[in-house]
Amino acid sequence: MNVTFNNRDPVYLQVVRHFKEQIATGRLAAGQEIPSRRELAGVLQINPNTVQRSYKEMEEQKLITTEGNSPSRITTDEQVLNSIREELIQEAVDSFVASVKNIAVPVDELLHIVKLRYEAEQARK
């Protein structure tokens, strides 16, 4: 598990976002067991309390389930799983629009540029 942390956002929210990205891309499947809190803290080299806060947040968002002493698992709720991808796309689009709105580029030109960049990135993979 490789997470690059930034200095802007709280670490626990960056961990939550990482899990959302892993779910949205299919790297984590519905019902899949995830590392224990201590194990993840060791792998990411962060405080176990930070991981605990991340897991608590993911449980509140219904991204993961934890029953008793059993390992935490990715939710199997299809509605939640589908909403994760939509949420990430919407966040990216909102950020992009906010960063280009003052340039006043016509929408057609902007879409053309985005399409070319996206296709170039996909070709590199």
N, C-alpha and C. Protein backbone atom coordinates (compact mmCIF):
# COMPACT_ATOMS: atom_id res chain seq x y z
N MET A 1 0.86 -1.17 0.00
CA MET A 1 0.00 0.00 0.00
C MET A 1 0.90 1.23 0.00
N ASN A 2 0.72 2.08 -0.99
CA ASN A 2 1.58 3.25 -1.14
C ASN A 2 0.73 4.51 -1.14
N VAL A 3 0.89 5.34 -0.12
CA VAL A 3 0.15 6.59 -0.01
C VAL A 3 1.17 7.71 0.11
N THR A 4 1.03 8.73 -0.75
CA THR A 4 1.88 9.90 -0.65
C THR A 4 1.06 10.99 0.05
N PHE A 5 1.50 11.36 1.23
CA PHE A 5 0.76 12.34 2.02
C PHE A 5 1.15 13.76 1.64
N ASN A 6 0.16 14.66 1.65
CA ASN A 6 0.45 16.07 1.43
C ASN A 6 0.36 16.80 2.77
N ASN A 7 0.75 18.05 2.79
CA ASN A 7 0.74 18.84 4.02
C ASN A 7 -0.52 19.68 4.18
N ARG A 8 -1.42 19.62 3.21
CA ARG A 8 -2.63 20.44 3.25
C ARG A 8 -3.77 19.78 4.02
N ASP A 9 -4.00 18.52 3.77
CA ASP A 9 -5.16 17.83 4.31
C ASP A 9 -4.79 16.97 5.51
N PRO A 10 -5.72 16.80 6.45
CA PRO A 10 -5.44 15.90 7.58
C PRO A 10 -5.10 14.50 7.08
N VAL A 11 -4.14 13.87 7.71
CA VAL A 11 -3.67 12.55 7.28
C VAL A 11 -4.81 11.54 7.30
N TYR A 12 -5.67 11.58 8.30
CA TYR A 12 -6.74 10.59 8.37
C TYR A 12 -7.67 10.69 7.17
N LEU A 13 -7.92 11.92 6.68
CA LEU A 13 -8.77 12.08 5.50
C LEU A 13 -8.05 11.62 4.23
N GLN A 14 -6.74 11.76 4.21
CA GLN A 14 -5.98 11.26 3.06
C GLN A 14 -6.01 9.74 3.01
N VAL A 15 -6.02 9.11 4.16
CA VAL A 15 -6.14 7.64 4.21
C VAL A 15 -7.52 7.23 3.70
N VAL A 16 -8.56 7.94 4.14
CA VAL A 16 -9.92 7.64 3.67
C VAL A 16 -9.99 7.79 2.16
N ARG A 17 -9.43 8.88 1.64
CA ARG A 17 -9.44 9.11 0.19
C ARG A 17 -8.70 7.99 -0.54
N HIS A 18 -7.59 7.54 0.00
CA HIS A 18 -6.84 6.44 -0.61
C HIS A 18 -7.73 5.20 -0.72
N PHE A 19 -8.43 4.87 0.34
CA PHE A 19 -9.32 3.71 0.30
C PHE A 19 -10.42 3.91 -0.74
N LYS A 20 -10.98 5.12 -0.81
CA LYS A 20 -12.02 5.39 -1.81
C LYS A 20 -11.47 5.18 -3.22
N GLU A 21 -10.26 5.67 -3.46
CA GLU A 21 -9.65 5.49 -4.79
C GLU A 21 -9.42 4.02 -5.10
N GLN A 22 -8.98 3.27 -4.10
CA GLN A 22 -8.74 1.83 -4.29
C GLN A 22 -10.05 1.09 -4.59
N ILE A 23 -11.12 1.51 -3.94
CA ILE A 23 -12.43 0.90 -4.17
C ILE A 23 -12.93 1.28 -5.56
N ALA A 24 -12.82 2.56 -5.91
CA ALA A 24 -13.33 3.05 -7.20
C ALA A 24 -12.61 2.41 -8.38
N THR A 25 -11.33 2.08 -8.21
CA THR A 25 -10.56 1.49 -9.30
C THR A 25 -10.61 -0.04 -9.29
N GLY A 26 -11.29 -0.61 -8.29
CA GLY A 26 -11.41 -2.06 -8.24
C GLY A 26 -10.24 -2.77 -7.58
N ARG A 27 -9.28 -2.03 -7.05
CA ARG A 27 -8.15 -2.66 -6.38
C ARG A 27 -8.57 -3.25 -5.03
N LEU A 28 -9.63 -2.68 -4.45
CA LEU A 28 -10.26 -3.26 -3.27
C LEU A 28 -11.68 -3.65 -3.67
N ALA A 29 -12.03 -4.88 -3.41
CA ALA A 29 -13.34 -5.40 -3.83
C ALA A 29 -14.32 -5.40 -2.67
N ALA A 30 -15.59 -5.40 -3.02
CA ALA A 30 -16.65 -5.48 -2.02
C ALA A 30 -16.43 -6.71 -1.15
N GLY A 31 -16.51 -6.52 0.15
CA GLY A 31 -16.34 -7.62 1.08
C GLY A 31 -14.91 -7.99 1.40
N GLN A 32 -13.96 -7.37 0.73
CA GLN A 32 -12.55 -7.70 0.95
C GLN A 32 -12.09 -7.24 2.32
N GLU A 33 -11.32 -8.09 2.98
CA GLU A 33 -10.75 -7.77 4.27
C GLU A 33 -9.65 -6.72 4.09
N ILE A 34 -9.58 -5.76 5.01
CA ILE A 34 -8.53 -4.74 4.94
C ILE A 34 -7.60 -4.93 6.13
N PRO A 35 -6.41 -4.34 6.08
CA PRO A 35 -5.45 -4.53 7.17
C PRO A 35 -6.00 -4.04 8.51
N SER A 36 -5.47 -4.63 9.58
CA SER A 36 -5.84 -4.15 10.91
C SER A 36 -5.32 -2.73 11.08
N ARG A 37 -5.82 -2.06 12.08
CA ARG A 37 -5.42 -0.68 12.33
C ARG A 37 -3.92 -0.60 12.61
N ARG A 38 -3.42 -1.49 13.44
CA ARG A 38 -1.99 -1.48 13.78
C ARG A 38 -1.13 -1.84 12.55
N GLU A 39 -1.60 -2.80 11.80
CA GLU A 39 -0.87 -3.21 10.60
C GLU A 39 -0.77 -2.05 9.61
N LEU A 40 -1.90 -1.36 9.37
CA LEU A 40 -1.89 -0.24 8.43
C LEU A 40 -1.01 0.90 8.95
N ALA A 41 -1.05 1.15 10.25
CA ALA A 41 -0.21 2.20 10.84
C ALA A 41 1.26 1.88 10.58
N GLY A 42 1.63 0.62 10.72
CA GLY A 42 3.02 0.22 10.46
C GLY A 42 3.40 0.37 9.01
N VAL A 43 2.52 -0.06 8.12
CA VAL A 43 2.81 0.01 6.68
C VAL A 43 2.94 1.47 6.23
N LEU A 44 2.04 2.33 6.70
CA LEU A 44 2.04 3.73 6.27
C LEU A 44 2.95 4.60 7.13
N GLN A 45 3.47 4.02 8.20
CA GLN A 45 4.33 4.73 9.14
C GLN A 45 3.65 5.98 9.69
N ILE A 46 2.42 5.76 10.19
CA ILE A 46 1.67 6.84 10.82
C ILE A 46 1.17 6.35 12.17
N ASN A 47 0.70 7.26 12.98
CA ASN A 47 0.22 6.96 14.32
C ASN A 47 -1.00 6.04 14.24
N PRO A 48 -1.05 4.99 15.07
CA PRO A 48 -2.22 4.11 15.09
C PRO A 48 -3.53 4.86 15.39
N ASN A 49 -3.45 5.93 16.18
CA ASN A 49 -4.65 6.73 16.46
C ASN A 49 -5.18 7.40 15.20
N THR A 50 -4.28 7.77 14.31
CA THR A 50 -4.68 8.36 13.03
C THR A 50 -5.41 7.33 12.18
N VAL A 51 -4.90 6.13 12.15
CA VAL A 51 -5.56 5.05 11.41
C VAL A 51 -6.92 4.76 12.04
N GLN A 52 -6.97 4.74 13.36
CA GLN A 52 -8.24 4.51 14.06
C GLN A 52 -9.26 5.57 13.64
N ARG A 53 -8.83 6.81 13.55
CA ARG A 53 -9.73 7.89 13.15
C ARG A 53 -10.19 7.69 11.70
N SER A 54 -9.27 7.24 10.84
CA SER A 54 -9.62 6.96 9.44
C SER A 54 -10.67 5.86 9.36
N TYR A 55 -10.47 4.79 10.11
CA TYR A 55 -11.41 3.67 10.08
C TYR A 55 -12.77 4.10 10.63
N LYS A 56 -12.75 4.91 11.68
CA LYS A 56 -14.00 5.42 12.25
C LYS A 56 -14.75 6.24 11.20
N GLU A 57 -14.02 7.09 10.49
CA GLU A 57 -14.64 7.91 9.43
C GLU A 57 -15.20 7.02 8.33
N MET A 58 -14.45 6.00 7.93
CA MET A 58 -14.94 5.10 6.87
C MET A 58 -16.15 4.30 7.34
N GLU A 59 -16.19 3.94 8.61
CA GLU A 59 -17.37 3.25 9.14
C GLU A 59 -18.57 4.18 9.13
N GLU A 60 -18.38 5.45 9.49
CA GLU A 60 -19.47 6.42 9.49
C GLU A 60 -20.00 6.66 8.07
N GLN A 61 -19.09 6.62 7.09
CA GLN A 61 -19.49 6.79 5.69
C GLN A 61 -19.97 5.48 5.08
N LYS A 62 -19.96 4.42 5.87
CA LYS A 62 -20.39 3.09 5.46
C LYS A 62 -19.52 2.48 4.36
N LEU A 63 -18.25 2.91 4.31
CA LEU A 63 -17.30 2.35 3.34
C LEU A 63 -16.79 0.99 3.80
N ILE A 64 -16.67 0.85 5.12
CA ILE A 64 -16.21 -0.42 5.69
C ILE A 64 -17.17 -0.85 6.79
N THR A 65 -17.11 -2.14 7.09
CA THR A 65 -17.89 -2.68 8.20
C THR A 65 -16.94 -3.45 9.11
N THR A 66 -17.22 -3.36 10.40
CA THR A 66 -16.44 -4.09 11.39
C THR A 66 -17.42 -4.70 12.37
N GLU A 67 -17.39 -6.01 12.49
CA GLU A 67 -18.29 -6.71 13.39
C GLU A 67 -17.49 -7.40 14.49
N GLY A 68 -17.68 -6.94 15.72
CA GLY A 68 -17.00 -7.55 16.86
C GLY A 68 -15.49 -7.49 16.69
N ASN A 69 -14.85 -8.63 16.93
CA ASN A 69 -13.40 -8.71 16.80
C ASN A 69 -12.96 -9.17 15.42
N SER A 70 -13.91 -9.25 14.49
CA SER A 70 -13.57 -9.67 13.13
C SER A 70 -12.83 -8.55 12.40
N PRO A 71 -12.07 -8.90 11.39
CA PRO A 71 -11.38 -7.86 10.61
C PRO A 71 -12.38 -6.94 9.89
N SER A 72 -11.98 -5.72 9.68
CA SER A 72 -12.81 -4.78 8.92
C SER A 72 -12.81 -5.20 7.46
N ARG A 73 -13.94 -4.94 6.80
CA ARG A 73 -14.10 -5.32 5.39
C ARG A 73 -14.72 -4.16 4.62
N ILE A 74 -14.42 -4.13 3.32
CA ILE A 74 -15.05 -3.17 2.42
C ILE A 74 -16.53 -3.50 2.35
N THR A 75 -17.35 -2.48 2.33
CA THR A 75 -18.80 -2.69 2.28
C THR A 75 -19.21 -3.49 1.04
N THR A 76 -20.34 -4.14 1.15
CA THR A 76 -20.92 -4.83 0.00
C THR A 76 -22.15 -4.08 -0.50
N ASP A 77 -22.44 -2.93 0.09
CA ASP A 77 -23.59 -2.11 -0.28
C ASP A 77 -23.33 -1.46 -1.65
N GLU A 78 -24.03 -1.95 -2.67
CA GLU A 78 -23.81 -1.47 -4.04
C GLU A 78 -24.04 0.03 -4.18
N GLN A 79 -25.01 0.55 -3.48
CA GLN A 79 -25.30 1.99 -3.56
C GLN A 79 -24.10 2.80 -3.07
N VAL A 80 -23.52 2.39 -1.96
CA VAL A 80 -22.34 3.08 -1.42
C VAL A 80 -21.17 2.94 -2.38
N LEU A 81 -20.95 1.73 -2.89
CA LEU A 81 -19.84 1.50 -3.81
C LEU A 81 -19.96 2.36 -5.06
N ASN A 82 -21.15 2.47 -5.62
CA ASN A 82 -21.36 3.28 -6.81
C ASN A 82 -21.18 4.76 -6.53
N SER A 83 -21.57 5.20 -5.35
CA SER A 83 -21.46 6.62 -5.03
C SER A 83 -20.01 7.07 -4.85
N ILE A 84 -19.12 6.16 -4.50
CA ILE A 84 -17.72 6.52 -4.29
C ILE A 84 -17.10 7.04 -5.58
N ARG A 85 -17.29 6.32 -6.66
CA ARG A 85 -16.73 6.74 -7.95
C ARG A 85 -17.29 8.09 -8.37
N GLU A 86 -18.60 8.24 -8.24
CA GLU A 86 -19.24 9.51 -8.61
C GLU A 86 -18.69 10.66 -7.77
N GLU A 87 -18.50 10.42 -6.49
CA GLU A 87 -17.97 11.45 -5.58
C GLU A 87 -16.57 11.88 -6.01
N LEU A 88 -15.70 10.92 -6.32
CA LEU A 88 -14.33 11.24 -6.72
C LEU A 88 -14.30 12.00 -8.04
N ILE A 89 -15.13 11.59 -8.98
CA ILE A 89 -15.19 12.30 -10.26
C ILE A 89 -15.69 13.73 -10.05
N GLN A 90 -16.73 13.89 -9.27
CA GLN A 90 -17.29 15.22 -9.01
C GLN A 90 -16.26 16.13 -8.34
N GLU A 91 -15.52 15.61 -7.36
CA GLU A 91 -14.48 16.39 -6.70
C GLU A 91 -13.42 16.84 -7.69
N ALA A 92 -13.00 15.94 -8.57
CA ALA A 92 -11.97 16.27 -9.55
C ALA A 92 -12.47 17.33 -10.52
N VAL A 93 -13.70 17.19 -10.98
CA VAL A 93 -14.27 18.16 -11.92
C VAL A 93 -14.43 19.52 -11.24
N ASP A 94 -14.92 19.54 -10.02
CA ASP A 94 -15.08 20.80 -9.29
C ASP A 94 -13.74 21.52 -9.13
N SER A 95 -12.71 20.76 -8.79
CA SER A 95 -11.38 21.34 -8.63
C SER A 95 -10.86 21.89 -9.95
N PHE A 96 -11.06 21.13 -11.01
CA PHE A 96 -10.62 21.55 -12.35
C PHE A 96 -11.34 22.83 -12.78
N VAL A 97 -12.65 22.86 -12.63
CA VAL A 97 -13.44 24.02 -13.03
C VAL A 97 -13.01 25.25 -12.24
N ALA A 98 -12.80 25.09 -10.95
CA ALA A 98 -12.36 26.21 -10.12
C ALA A 98 -11.02 26.76 -10.57
N SER A 99 -10.14 25.88 -11.04
CA SER A 99 -8.81 26.32 -11.45
C SER A 99 -8.77 26.96 -12.83
N VAL A 100 -9.75 26.69 -13.69
CA VAL A 100 -9.73 27.25 -15.05
C VAL A 100 -10.80 28.30 -15.32
N LYS A 101 -11.67 28.54 -14.37
CA LYS A 101 -12.81 29.42 -14.65
C LYS A 101 -12.40 30.85 -15.01
N ASN A 102 -11.30 31.34 -14.48
CA ASN A 102 -10.87 32.71 -14.76
C ASN A 102 -10.13 32.87 -16.09
N ILE A 103 -9.83 31.77 -16.73
CA ILE A 103 -9.13 31.82 -18.01
C ILE A 103 -10.10 32.12 -19.15
N ALA A 104 -11.35 31.84 -18.95
CA ALA A 104 -12.40 32.11 -19.93
C ALA A 104 -12.16 31.39 -21.26
N VAL A 105 -11.88 30.11 -21.17
CA VAL A 105 -11.70 29.28 -22.36
C VAL A 105 -13.07 28.78 -22.79
N PRO A 106 -13.37 28.86 -24.08
CA PRO A 106 -14.66 28.31 -24.55
C PRO A 106 -14.76 26.82 -24.19
N VAL A 107 -15.95 26.39 -23.83
CA VAL A 107 -16.17 25.02 -23.37
C VAL A 107 -15.71 23.99 -24.39
N ASP A 108 -16.01 24.21 -25.67
CA ASP A 108 -15.60 23.25 -26.71
C ASP A 108 -14.09 23.10 -26.75
N GLU A 109 -13.38 24.20 -26.67
CA GLU A 109 -11.92 24.16 -26.69
C GLU A 109 -11.39 23.45 -25.45
N LEU A 110 -11.98 23.76 -24.31
CA LEU A 110 -11.58 23.14 -23.06
C LEU A 110 -11.79 21.63 -23.09
N LEU A 111 -12.95 21.21 -23.56
CA LEU A 111 -13.25 19.77 -23.65
C LEU A 111 -12.28 19.06 -24.60
N HIS A 112 -11.94 19.74 -25.70
CA HIS A 112 -11.00 19.16 -26.67
C HIS A 112 -9.63 18.96 -26.01
N ILE A 113 -9.17 19.96 -25.28
CA ILE A 113 -7.87 19.88 -24.60
C ILE A 113 -7.88 18.77 -23.55
N VAL A 114 -8.95 18.71 -22.78
CA VAL A 114 -9.06 17.67 -21.75
C VAL A 114 -9.07 16.29 -22.39
N LYS A 115 -9.81 16.13 -23.47
CA LYS A 115 -9.88 14.83 -24.16
C LYS A 115 -8.50 14.40 -24.65
N LEU A 116 -7.75 15.33 -25.26
CA LEU A 116 -6.41 15.00 -25.75
C LEU A 116 -5.48 14.61 -24.60
N ARG A 117 -5.52 15.36 -23.52
CA ARG A 117 -4.67 15.06 -22.36
C ARG A 117 -5.02 13.71 -21.75
N TYR A 118 -6.31 13.47 -21.63
CA TYR A 118 -6.76 12.22 -21.02
C TYR A 118 -6.33 11.03 -21.88
N GLU A 119 -6.50 11.14 -23.18
CA GLU A 119 -6.11 10.06 -24.09
C GLU A 119 -4.60 9.84 -24.05
N ALA A 120 -3.84 10.92 -23.96
CA ALA A 120 -2.37 10.79 -23.88
C ALA A 120 -1.97 10.09 -22.59
N GLU A 121 -2.62 10.41 -21.49
CA GLU A 121 -2.33 9.75 -20.21
C GLU A 121 -2.69 8.26 -20.28
N GLN A 122 -3.81 7.94 -20.86
CA GLN A 122 -4.23 6.54 -20.98
C GLN A 122 -3.27 5.75 -21.86
N ALA A 123 -2.75 6.38 -22.88
CA ALA A 123 -1.80 5.72 -23.78
C ALA A 123 -0.49 5.39 -23.07
N ARG A 124 -0.12 6.20 -22.08
CA ARG A 124 1.13 5.98 -21.35
C ARG A 124 1.03 4.80 -20.40
N LYS A 125 -0.16 4.38 -20.03
CA LYS A 125 -0.32 3.28 -19.06
C LYS A 125 -0.10 1.95 -19.67
